[in-house]
Amino acid sequence: MMHMTFYWSREVTILVNSWHAKTWLSYSLSLLACLLASIFYQYLENRRMRLKLIAAGSVKGKPSPSATTDEPLLQKMGGGGGKVRWSAARVGEAVLFGINSGIGYLLMLVVMSFNGGVFLAVVLGLSIGYLLFRSEDQNSTILENPCACA
């Protein structure tokens, strides 16, 4: 029976068999890579949120009577006019969303190595990235998702 518990060892396989840390140097470099990837995730998320604000500014219209609530998920896209307007900002936002989703899922799989140091490196990187790139007070209508893979 295999138990899924965190372990503390310098020997870890991350994502693929060829990324196997055996020495303290390779383990330290692996932790640094995990930390930097997590910071980069937050940076890209910041860029995506800025594009979202730009796209929201370029897709203005009168809200429909059924979308007078402050809940963004209940409002129709494009201001309720029924016609979706495409812009470079919206396309860029969608591309960044796809890239960031991929990075988020890879970070989730990295954490699933169940190595305590790898887990701490990813969480620390996400925290540092949030502090550097996303802790500023942005538009309050944008909902944040605390899950790295969302």
Protein backbone atom coordinates (compact mmCIF):
# COMPACT_ATOMS: atom_id res chain seq x y z
CA MET A 1 0.00 0.00 0.00
CA MET A 2 1.35 3.40 -1.01
CA HIS A 3 0.89 6.26 1.45
CA MET A 4 0.72 9.79 0.12
CA THR A 5 2.48 11.80 2.77
CA PHE A 6 5.04 14.57 2.62
CA TYR A 7 8.62 13.49 2.94
CA TRP A 8 11.77 15.50 3.57
CA SER A 9 14.60 14.35 1.37
CA ARG A 10 16.96 15.80 -1.19
CA GLU A 11 16.08 12.95 -3.54
CA VAL A 12 13.01 13.87 -5.54
CA THR A 13 11.65 13.38 -9.04
CA ILE A 14 9.86 16.45 -10.37
CA LEU A 15 7.42 16.11 -13.29
CA VAL A 16 9.56 13.76 -15.44
CA ASN A 17 12.03 10.96 -14.68
CA SER A 18 14.89 12.97 -16.15
CA TRP A 19 14.36 15.72 -13.54
CA HIS A 20 15.57 13.71 -10.59
CA ALA A 21 17.50 15.50 -7.87
CA LYS A 22 20.00 13.32 -6.02
CA THR A 23 22.59 15.76 -4.68
CA TRP A 24 22.17 18.81 -2.50
CA LEU A 25 23.20 21.00 -5.44
CA SER A 26 20.62 19.51 -7.83
CA TYR A 27 17.96 19.64 -5.10
CA SER A 28 18.74 23.30 -4.35
CA LEU A 29 18.62 24.20 -8.05
CA SER A 30 15.32 22.34 -8.37
CA LEU A 31 13.85 24.27 -5.45
CA LEU A 32 15.07 27.52 -7.02
CA ALA A 33 13.44 26.55 -10.33
CA CYS A 34 10.14 25.82 -8.51
CA LEU A 35 10.36 29.14 -6.67
CA LEU A 36 11.04 31.10 -9.87
CA ALA A 37 8.28 29.29 -11.81
CA SER A 38 5.81 30.20 -9.05
CA ILE A 39 6.88 33.85 -9.11
CA PHE A 40 6.57 33.84 -12.92
CA TYR A 41 3.05 32.42 -12.58
CA GLN A 42 2.03 35.41 -10.46
CA TYR A 43 3.71 37.82 -12.89
CA LEU A 44 1.75 36.39 -15.82
CA GLU A 45 -1.45 36.51 -13.78
CA ASN A 46 -0.78 40.20 -13.15
CA ARG A 47 -0.35 40.79 -16.90
CA ARG A 48 -3.57 38.88 -17.60
CA MET A 49 -5.51 40.93 -15.04
CA ARG A 50 -4.24 44.15 -16.61
CA LEU A 51 -5.34 42.94 -20.04
CA LYS A 52 -8.70 42.07 -18.52
CA LEU A 53 -9.07 45.68 -17.36
CA ILE A 54 -8.09 46.95 -20.81
CA ALA A 55 -10.52 44.55 -22.48
CA ALA A 56 -13.31 45.56 -20.08
CA GLY A 57 -12.71 49.19 -21.01
CA SER A 58 -12.92 48.43 -24.73
CA VAL A 59 -16.15 46.41 -24.44
CA LYS A 60 -18.56 48.96 -23.03
CA GLY A 61 -22.24 49.10 -23.50
CA LYS A 62 -25.45 49.47 -21.63
CA PRO A 63 -26.15 46.61 -19.25
CA SER A 64 -29.30 44.66 -19.84
CA PRO A 65 -32.10 45.03 -17.28
CA SER A 66 -31.43 41.49 -16.05
CA ALA A 67 -27.76 42.30 -15.43
CA THR A 68 -28.07 45.18 -13.01
CA THR A 69 -26.37 43.28 -10.21
CA ASP A 70 -22.75 43.75 -9.17
CA GLU A 71 -22.00 40.06 -9.70
CA PRO A 72 -19.67 39.83 -12.74
CA LEU A 73 -20.66 36.21 -13.41
CA LEU A 74 -24.29 37.18 -13.84
CA GLN A 75 -23.64 39.93 -16.37
CA LYS A 76 -23.75 39.18 -20.06
CA MET A 77 -20.50 39.50 -21.97
CA GLY A 78 -20.28 42.64 -24.07
CA GLY A 79 -22.64 44.65 -21.91
CA GLY A 80 -25.78 42.68 -22.76
CA GLY A 81 -25.96 43.66 -26.40
CA GLY A 82 -25.80 40.03 -27.48
CA LYS A 83 -22.89 40.68 -29.85
CA VAL A 84 -19.44 39.69 -28.65
CA ARG A 85 -16.74 42.21 -29.52
CA TRP A 86 -13.28 40.88 -30.06
CA SER A 87 -10.22 42.96 -29.32
CA ALA A 88 -6.51 42.37 -29.18
CA ALA A 89 -6.69 42.74 -25.39
CA ARG A 90 -9.36 40.01 -25.10
CA VAL A 91 -7.40 37.65 -27.35
CA GLY A 92 -4.21 38.40 -25.41
CA GLU A 93 -6.04 37.77 -22.16
CA ALA A 94 -7.27 34.41 -23.46
CA VAL A 95 -3.75 33.41 -24.56
CA LEU A 96 -2.31 34.40 -21.18
CA PHE A 97 -5.10 32.51 -19.45
CA GLY A 98 -4.18 29.36 -21.38
CA ILE A 99 -0.46 29.71 -20.68
CA ASN A 100 -1.05 30.49 -17.03
CA SER A 101 -3.47 27.59 -16.65
CA GLY A 102 -0.79 25.27 -18.02
CA ILE A 103 1.82 26.66 -15.63
CA GLY A 104 -0.64 26.40 -12.74
CA TYR A 105 -1.39 22.76 -13.46
CA LEU A 106 2.34 22.01 -13.77
CA LEU A 107 2.91 23.67 -10.38
CA MET A 108 0.14 21.51 -8.95
CA LEU A 109 1.86 18.40 -10.32
CA VAL A 110 5.19 19.60 -8.92
CA VAL A 111 3.62 19.88 -5.47
CA MET A 112 2.25 16.37 -5.94
CA SER A 113 5.81 15.08 -5.73
CA PHE A 114 4.97 15.22 -1.99
CA ASN A 115 8.43 16.57 -1.18
CA GLY A 116 8.19 19.07 1.68
CA GLY A 117 10.91 21.33 0.31
CA VAL A 118 9.30 21.45 -3.13
CA PHE A 119 5.94 22.28 -1.55
CA LEU A 120 7.47 25.11 0.48
CA ALA A 121 9.37 26.46 -2.56
CA VAL A 122 6.17 26.63 -4.63
CA VAL A 123 4.11 28.26 -1.86
CA LEU A 124 6.92 30.72 -1.06
CA GLY A 125 7.27 31.56 -4.76
CA LEU A 126 3.53 32.16 -5.11
CA SER A 127 3.63 34.39 -2.02
CA ILE A 128 6.64 36.38 -3.22
CA GLY A 129 5.09 36.74 -6.67
CA TYR A 130 1.83 37.91 -5.17
CA LEU A 131 3.66 40.45 -3.03
CA LEU A 132 5.69 41.74 -5.99
CA PHE A 133 3.05 41.75 -8.71
CA ARG A 134 -0.48 41.36 -7.41
CA SER A 135 -0.84 42.87 -3.96
CA GLU A 136 -1.54 46.36 -5.31
CA ASP A 137 -5.12 47.49 -5.05
CA GLN A 138 -6.59 46.68 -8.46
CA ASN A 139 -10.13 47.02 -9.71
CA SER A 140 -12.38 45.51 -7.05
CA THR A 141 -14.70 43.96 -9.64
CA ILE A 142 -12.07 41.43 -10.63
CA LEU A 143 -12.49 38.24 -8.65
CA GLU A 144 -9.30 36.51 -7.60
CA ASN A 145 -9.02 32.77 -7.29
CA PRO A 146 -6.53 31.62 -4.65
CA CYS A 147 -5.91 28.32 -6.45
CA ALA A 148 -2.67 28.43 -8.43
CA CYS A 149 -4.10 26.20 -11.11
CA ALA A 150 -7.24 28.21 -11.79
